[in-house]
Amino acid sequence: MSTDQYHEPPGELSQSTRTFARMCASLSEEAEAIGWYEQRIAVEQDDVARAIMLDSLGEEYKHFCMELEFLMRAKPLWRETARGILFQDGDIVENGEAAEAAAGSD
């Protein structure tokens, strides 16, 4: 079993911490795959191949979102911070600063 995703000895980590680390790694892999598909789609000339890649990209979006939701359910502070940033109008950085300041202040 690979332990590249761990920064501490896996045997000393709880099952939930190991699961969280695996989901973080999966989220990173999905983000990387999204970037790859975006590049491939940008240069693909064959309409059928491009359509297949677009379909695959949609799957990567879905997987990324499911993994993100799992992680945010596991870490309520993450979810609370995200609520102040995601799907909000206005300046992203300003929203982020306000969300960070407000998170956990209840």
Protein backbone atom coordinates (compact mmCIF):
# COMPACT_ATOMS: atom_id res chain seq x y z
CA MET A 1 0.00 0.00 0.00
CA SER A 2 1.32 3.41 -0.98
CA THR A 3 1.72 5.96 1.78
CA ASP A 4 2.83 8.92 -0.34
CA GLN A 5 -0.31 10.80 0.65
CA TYR A 6 0.56 10.72 4.34
CA HIS A 7 2.96 13.07 6.09
CA GLU A 8 2.77 11.16 9.34
CA PRO A 9 3.15 7.40 9.93
CA PRO A 10 -0.12 5.85 8.64
CA GLY A 11 -0.28 3.44 11.58
CA GLU A 12 -0.47 6.39 13.95
CA LEU A 13 -3.37 8.00 12.09
CA SER A 14 -7.02 7.23 12.80
CA GLN A 15 -9.14 5.57 10.12
CA SER A 16 -11.09 8.81 9.64
CA THR A 17 -7.86 10.79 9.15
CA ARG A 18 -6.64 8.26 6.58
CA THR A 19 -9.99 8.42 4.78
CA PHE A 20 -9.83 12.21 4.81
CA ALA A 21 -6.31 12.09 3.33
CA ARG A 22 -7.46 9.69 0.61
CA MET A 23 -10.35 11.97 -0.29
CA CYS A 24 -8.02 14.99 -0.41
CA ALA A 25 -5.74 13.06 -2.76
CA SER A 26 -8.73 12.08 -4.90
CA LEU A 27 -9.90 15.70 -5.04
CA SER A 28 -6.44 16.77 -6.23
CA GLU A 29 -6.44 14.04 -8.86
CA GLU A 30 -9.86 15.13 -10.15
CA ALA A 31 -8.69 18.75 -10.36
CA GLU A 32 -5.64 17.63 -12.31
CA ALA A 33 -7.81 15.56 -14.66
CA ILE A 34 -10.09 18.56 -15.24
CA GLY A 35 -7.05 20.61 -16.24
CA TRP A 36 -5.89 17.89 -18.62
CA TYR A 37 -9.30 17.61 -20.28
CA GLU A 38 -9.55 21.39 -20.66
CA GLN A 39 -6.22 21.41 -22.49
CA ARG A 40 -7.11 18.43 -24.68
CA ILE A 41 -10.49 19.88 -25.60
CA ALA A 42 -8.92 23.23 -26.45
CA VAL A 43 -6.77 21.67 -29.18
CA GLU A 44 -8.85 18.70 -30.37
CA GLN A 45 -10.00 19.07 -33.98
CA ASP A 46 -12.08 15.90 -34.30
CA ASP A 47 -15.70 16.63 -33.29
CA VAL A 48 -16.43 13.09 -32.09
CA ALA A 49 -13.26 12.89 -30.00
CA ARG A 50 -14.00 16.35 -28.59
CA ALA A 51 -17.56 15.31 -27.66
CA ILE A 52 -16.24 12.24 -25.84
CA MET A 53 -13.73 14.38 -23.96
CA LEU A 54 -16.46 16.85 -23.00
CA ASP A 55 -18.53 13.97 -21.64
CA SER A 56 -15.53 12.76 -19.67
CA LEU A 57 -14.93 16.27 -18.36
CA GLY A 58 -18.47 16.32 -17.00
CA GLU A 59 -17.72 13.13 -15.07
CA GLU A 60 -14.62 14.74 -13.59
CA TYR A 61 -16.67 17.76 -12.49
CA LYS A 62 -19.16 15.43 -10.81
CA HIS A 63 -16.45 13.44 -9.03
CA PHE A 64 -14.68 16.62 -7.89
CA CYS A 65 -17.91 18.02 -6.45
CA MET A 66 -18.82 14.77 -4.66
CA GLU A 67 -15.38 14.56 -3.09
CA LEU A 68 -15.48 18.22 -2.09
CA GLU A 69 -18.88 17.70 -0.47
CA PHE A 70 -17.58 14.68 1.46
CA LEU A 71 -14.63 16.70 2.74
CA MET A 72 -16.75 19.67 3.73
CA ARG A 73 -19.17 17.40 5.60
CA ALA A 74 -16.19 16.02 7.48
CA LYS A 75 -14.91 19.50 8.42
CA PRO A 76 -17.71 21.90 9.40
CA LEU A 77 -15.31 24.86 9.57
CA TRP A 78 -14.38 24.22 5.93
CA ARG A 79 -18.08 24.19 4.98
CA GLU A 80 -18.72 27.37 6.96
CA THR A 81 -15.84 29.15 5.23
CA ALA A 82 -16.94 27.88 1.83
CA ARG A 83 -20.47 29.22 2.32
CA GLY A 84 -19.08 32.74 2.41
CA ILE A 85 -17.13 32.27 -0.81
CA LEU A 86 -18.86 29.81 -3.12
CA PHE A 87 -21.76 30.99 -5.28
CA GLN A 88 -21.42 34.55 -3.98
CA ASP A 89 -21.36 37.70 -6.08
CA GLY A 90 -18.70 40.31 -5.58
CA ASP A 91 -14.97 40.20 -5.15
CA ILE A 92 -13.73 36.66 -4.52
CA VAL A 93 -10.80 37.74 -2.36
CA GLU A 94 -12.93 40.07 -0.27
CA ASN A 95 -15.53 37.32 0.17
CA GLY A 96 -12.76 34.96 1.21
CA GLU A 97 -11.39 37.35 3.80
CA ALA A 98 -14.86 37.99 5.23
CA ALA A 99 -15.69 34.27 5.28
CA GLU A 100 -12.45 33.43 7.05
CA ALA A 101 -13.05 36.10 9.66
CA ALA A 102 -16.65 35.01 10.23
CA ALA A 103 -16.02 31.25 10.30
CA GLY A 104 -16.16 29.87 13.76
CA SER A 105 -17.09 33.21 15.30
CA ASP A 106 -20.60 32.08 16.21
